[in-house]
Amino acid sequence: MGQPWAAAAIGVANAVTARRLIKYGDRGYRYLLLEARHAKHNMALEFGTVHLGGFYDDELAGLLRIDTDTRSPLYATALGSPKESTPDGRRALDKLTETL
């Protein structure tokens, strides 16, 4: 979308929708979004985050080499450290790989 990114990392959640639909039927897509939201929320608790809703699905999938026949990107989250001091208990960004 032509916007600059000033983040240490971008987390992208994607999902295999067919697997959920087979297992849970029509409710599968809802469950998929709920689970993705929980993961996104946990990232927001640990790091300075900005949730990105405006992205082009096909371009993002192409950049990440996601097979859009079986998977779809759900959301993207910019991860970093806030300029202000963080509350006690929030992990440093270099602990990201240990957390996930």
C-alpha atoms as a PDB file:
ATOM      1  CA  MET A   1       0.000   0.000   0.000  1.00  0.00           C
ATOM      2  CA  GLY A   2       3.049   2.221  -0.305  1.00  0.00           C
ATOM      3  CA  GLN A   3       3.429   2.811   3.432  1.00  0.00           C
ATOM      4  CA  PRO A   4       6.807   2.820   5.183  1.00  0.00           C
ATOM      5  CA  TRP A   5       7.432   0.199   7.868  1.00  0.00           C
ATOM      6  CA  ALA A   6       9.451   1.056  10.961  1.00  0.00           C
ATOM      7  CA  ALA A   7       9.296  -2.221  12.856  1.00  0.00           C
ATOM      8  CA  ALA A   8      11.864  -4.709  14.066  1.00  0.00           C
ATOM      9  CA  ALA A   9       9.737  -7.564  12.715  1.00  0.00           C
ATOM     10  CA  ILE A  10       6.379  -8.240  11.096  1.00  0.00           C
ATOM     11  CA  GLY A  11       4.384 -11.237  12.291  1.00  0.00           C
ATOM     12  CA  VAL A  12       1.916 -12.690   9.802  1.00  0.00           C
ATOM     13  CA  ALA A  13      -0.706 -15.265  10.723  1.00  0.00           C
ATOM     14  CA  ASN A  14      -1.933 -17.532   7.979  1.00  0.00           C
ATOM     15  CA  ALA A  15      -4.212 -20.519   8.105  1.00  0.00           C
ATOM     16  CA  VAL A  16      -5.128 -23.718   6.308  1.00  0.00           C
ATOM     17  CA  THR A  17      -8.848 -23.029   6.040  1.00  0.00           C
ATOM     18  CA  ALA A  18      -9.905 -26.317   4.432  1.00  0.00           C
ATOM     19  CA  ARG A  19      -8.678 -28.351   7.385  1.00  0.00           C
ATOM     20  CA  ARG A  20     -10.851 -26.350   9.794  1.00  0.00           C
ATOM     21  CA  LEU A  21     -13.886 -26.507   7.529  1.00  0.00           C
ATOM     22  CA  ILE A  22     -13.610 -30.280   7.209  1.00  0.00           C
ATOM     23  CA  LYS A  23     -13.322 -30.731  10.952  1.00  0.00           C
ATOM     24  CA  TYR A  24     -15.856 -28.128  12.164  1.00  0.00           C
ATOM     25  CA  GLY A  25     -18.067 -27.401   9.168  1.00  0.00           C
ATOM     26  CA  ASP A  26     -19.410 -23.852   8.842  1.00  0.00           C
ATOM     27  CA  ARG A  27     -18.096 -22.929  12.293  1.00  0.00           C
ATOM     28  CA  GLY A  28     -14.525 -23.762  11.236  1.00  0.00           C
ATOM     29  CA  TYR A  29     -13.791 -20.332   9.793  1.00  0.00           C
ATOM     30  CA  ARG A  30     -15.025 -18.641  12.963  1.00  0.00           C
ATOM     31  CA  TYR A  31     -12.850 -20.893  15.116  1.00  0.00           C
ATOM     32  CA  LEU A  32      -9.881 -20.148  12.898  1.00  0.00           C
ATOM     33  CA  LEU A  33     -10.333 -16.387  13.365  1.00  0.00           C
ATOM     34  CA  LEU A  34     -10.787 -16.768  17.120  1.00  0.00           C
ATOM     35  CA  GLU A  35      -7.589 -18.774  17.483  1.00  0.00           C
ATOM     36  CA  ALA A  36      -5.674 -16.292  15.334  1.00  0.00           C
ATOM     37  CA  ARG A  37      -6.990 -13.434  17.457  1.00  0.00           C
ATOM     38  CA  HIS A  38      -5.816 -15.137  20.641  1.00  0.00           C
ATOM     39  CA  ALA A  39      -2.298 -15.499  19.226  1.00  0.00           C
ATOM     40  CA  LYS A  40      -2.323 -11.862  18.124  1.00  0.00           C
ATOM     41  CA  HIS A  41      -3.485 -10.757  21.554  1.00  0.00           C
ATOM     42  CA  ASN A  42      -0.667 -12.676  23.256  1.00  0.00           C
ATOM     43  CA  MET A  43       1.886 -10.922  21.047  1.00  0.00           C
ATOM     44  CA  ALA A  44       0.361  -7.564  21.982  1.00  0.00           C
ATOM     45  CA  LEU A  45       0.807  -8.356  25.674  1.00  0.00           C
ATOM     46  CA  GLU A  46       4.506  -9.086  25.278  1.00  0.00           C
ATOM     47  CA  PHE A  47       5.758  -6.477  22.785  1.00  0.00           C
ATOM     48  CA  GLY A  48       5.063  -3.055  21.377  1.00  0.00           C
ATOM     49  CA  THR A  49       2.696  -3.876  18.511  1.00  0.00           C
ATOM     50  CA  VAL A  50       0.693  -2.245  15.758  1.00  0.00           C
ATOM     51  CA  HIS A  51      -1.961  -4.395  14.139  1.00  0.00           C
ATOM     52  CA  LEU A  52      -2.072  -4.066  10.362  1.00  0.00           C
ATOM     53  CA  GLY A  53      -5.397  -4.691   8.710  1.00  0.00           C
ATOM     54  CA  GLY A  54      -4.707  -2.962   5.422  1.00  0.00           C
ATOM     55  CA  PHE A  55      -2.647  -5.258   3.245  1.00  0.00           C
ATOM     56  CA  TYR A  56      -3.133  -6.875  -0.132  1.00  0.00           C
ATOM     57  CA  ASP A  57      -3.685 -10.579   0.499  1.00  0.00           C
ATOM     58  CA  ASP A  58      -2.212 -11.822  -2.779  1.00  0.00           C
ATOM     59  CA  GLU A  59       0.871  -9.579  -2.605  1.00  0.00           C
ATOM     60  CA  LEU A  60       1.595 -10.568   0.996  1.00  0.00           C
ATOM     61  CA  ALA A  61       1.079 -14.252   0.204  1.00  0.00           C
ATOM     62  CA  GLY A  62       3.444 -13.937  -2.768  1.00  0.00           C
ATOM     63  CA  LEU A  63       6.106 -12.210  -0.682  1.00  0.00           C
ATOM     64  CA  LEU A  64       5.930 -14.975   1.936  1.00  0.00           C
ATOM     65  CA  ARG A  65       5.549 -17.750  -0.664  1.00  0.00           C
ATOM     66  CA  ILE A  66       2.221 -18.836   0.789  1.00  0.00           C
ATOM     67  CA  ASP A  67       0.242 -21.165  -1.469  1.00  0.00           C
ATOM     68  CA  THR A  68      -3.081 -19.324  -1.696  1.00  0.00           C
ATOM     69  CA  ASP A  69      -4.847 -22.469  -2.900  1.00  0.00           C
ATOM     70  CA  THR A  70      -4.465 -23.960   0.583  1.00  0.00           C
ATOM     71  CA  ARG A  71      -3.623 -21.056   2.907  1.00  0.00           C
ATOM     72  CA  SER A  72      -4.698 -17.480   3.436  1.00  0.00           C
ATOM     73  CA  PRO A  73      -3.036 -14.632   5.348  1.00  0.00           C
ATOM     74  CA  LEU A  74      -5.304 -13.448   8.168  1.00  0.00           C
ATOM     75  CA  TYR A  75      -3.488 -10.500   9.695  1.00  0.00           C
ATOM     76  CA  ALA A  76      -0.125  -8.846  10.104  1.00  0.00           C
ATOM     77  CA  THR A  77       1.340  -7.324  13.246  1.00  0.00           C
ATOM     78  CA  ALA A  78       4.334  -4.993  13.420  1.00  0.00           C
ATOM     79  CA  LEU A  79       6.508  -5.879  16.424  1.00  0.00           C
ATOM     80  CA  GLY A  80       8.944  -3.625  18.195  1.00  0.00           C
ATOM     81  CA  SER A  81       9.716  -1.793  21.398  1.00  0.00           C
ATOM     82  CA  PRO A  82       7.548   1.175  22.331  1.00  0.00           C
ATOM     83  CA  LYS A  83       9.288   4.538  22.756  1.00  0.00           C
ATOM     84  CA  GLU A  84       7.898   4.878  26.257  1.00  0.00           C
ATOM     85  CA  SER A  85       9.131   2.647  29.037  1.00  0.00           C
ATOM     86  CA  THR A  86       7.378  -0.693  29.049  1.00  0.00           C
ATOM     87  CA  PRO A  87       5.524  -2.056  32.058  1.00  0.00           C
ATOM     88  CA  ASP A  88       7.313  -4.585  34.219  1.00  0.00           C
ATOM     89  CA  GLY A  89       6.978  -8.101  32.933  1.00  0.00           C
ATOM     90  CA  ARG A  90       6.991  -7.202  29.234  1.00  0.00           C
ATOM     91  CA  ARG A  91       9.687  -9.130  27.405  1.00  0.00           C
ATOM     92  CA  ALA A  92      12.442  -7.577  25.343  1.00  0.00           C
ATOM     93  CA  LEU A  93      12.155  -7.958  21.578  1.00  0.00           C
ATOM     94  CA  ASP A  94      15.239 -10.190  21.417  1.00  0.00           C
ATOM     95  CA  LYS A  95      13.226 -12.794  23.371  1.00  0.00           C
ATOM     96  CA  LEU A  96      10.695 -13.094  20.522  1.00  0.00           C
ATOM     97  CA  THR A  97      12.069 -16.352  19.177  1.00  0.00           C
ATOM     98  CA  GLU A  98      12.013 -17.850  22.653  1.00  0.00           C
ATOM     99  CA  THR A  99       8.404 -16.763  23.199  1.00  0.00           C
ATOM    100  CA  LEU A 100       7.031 -18.023  19.908  1.00  0.00           C
END
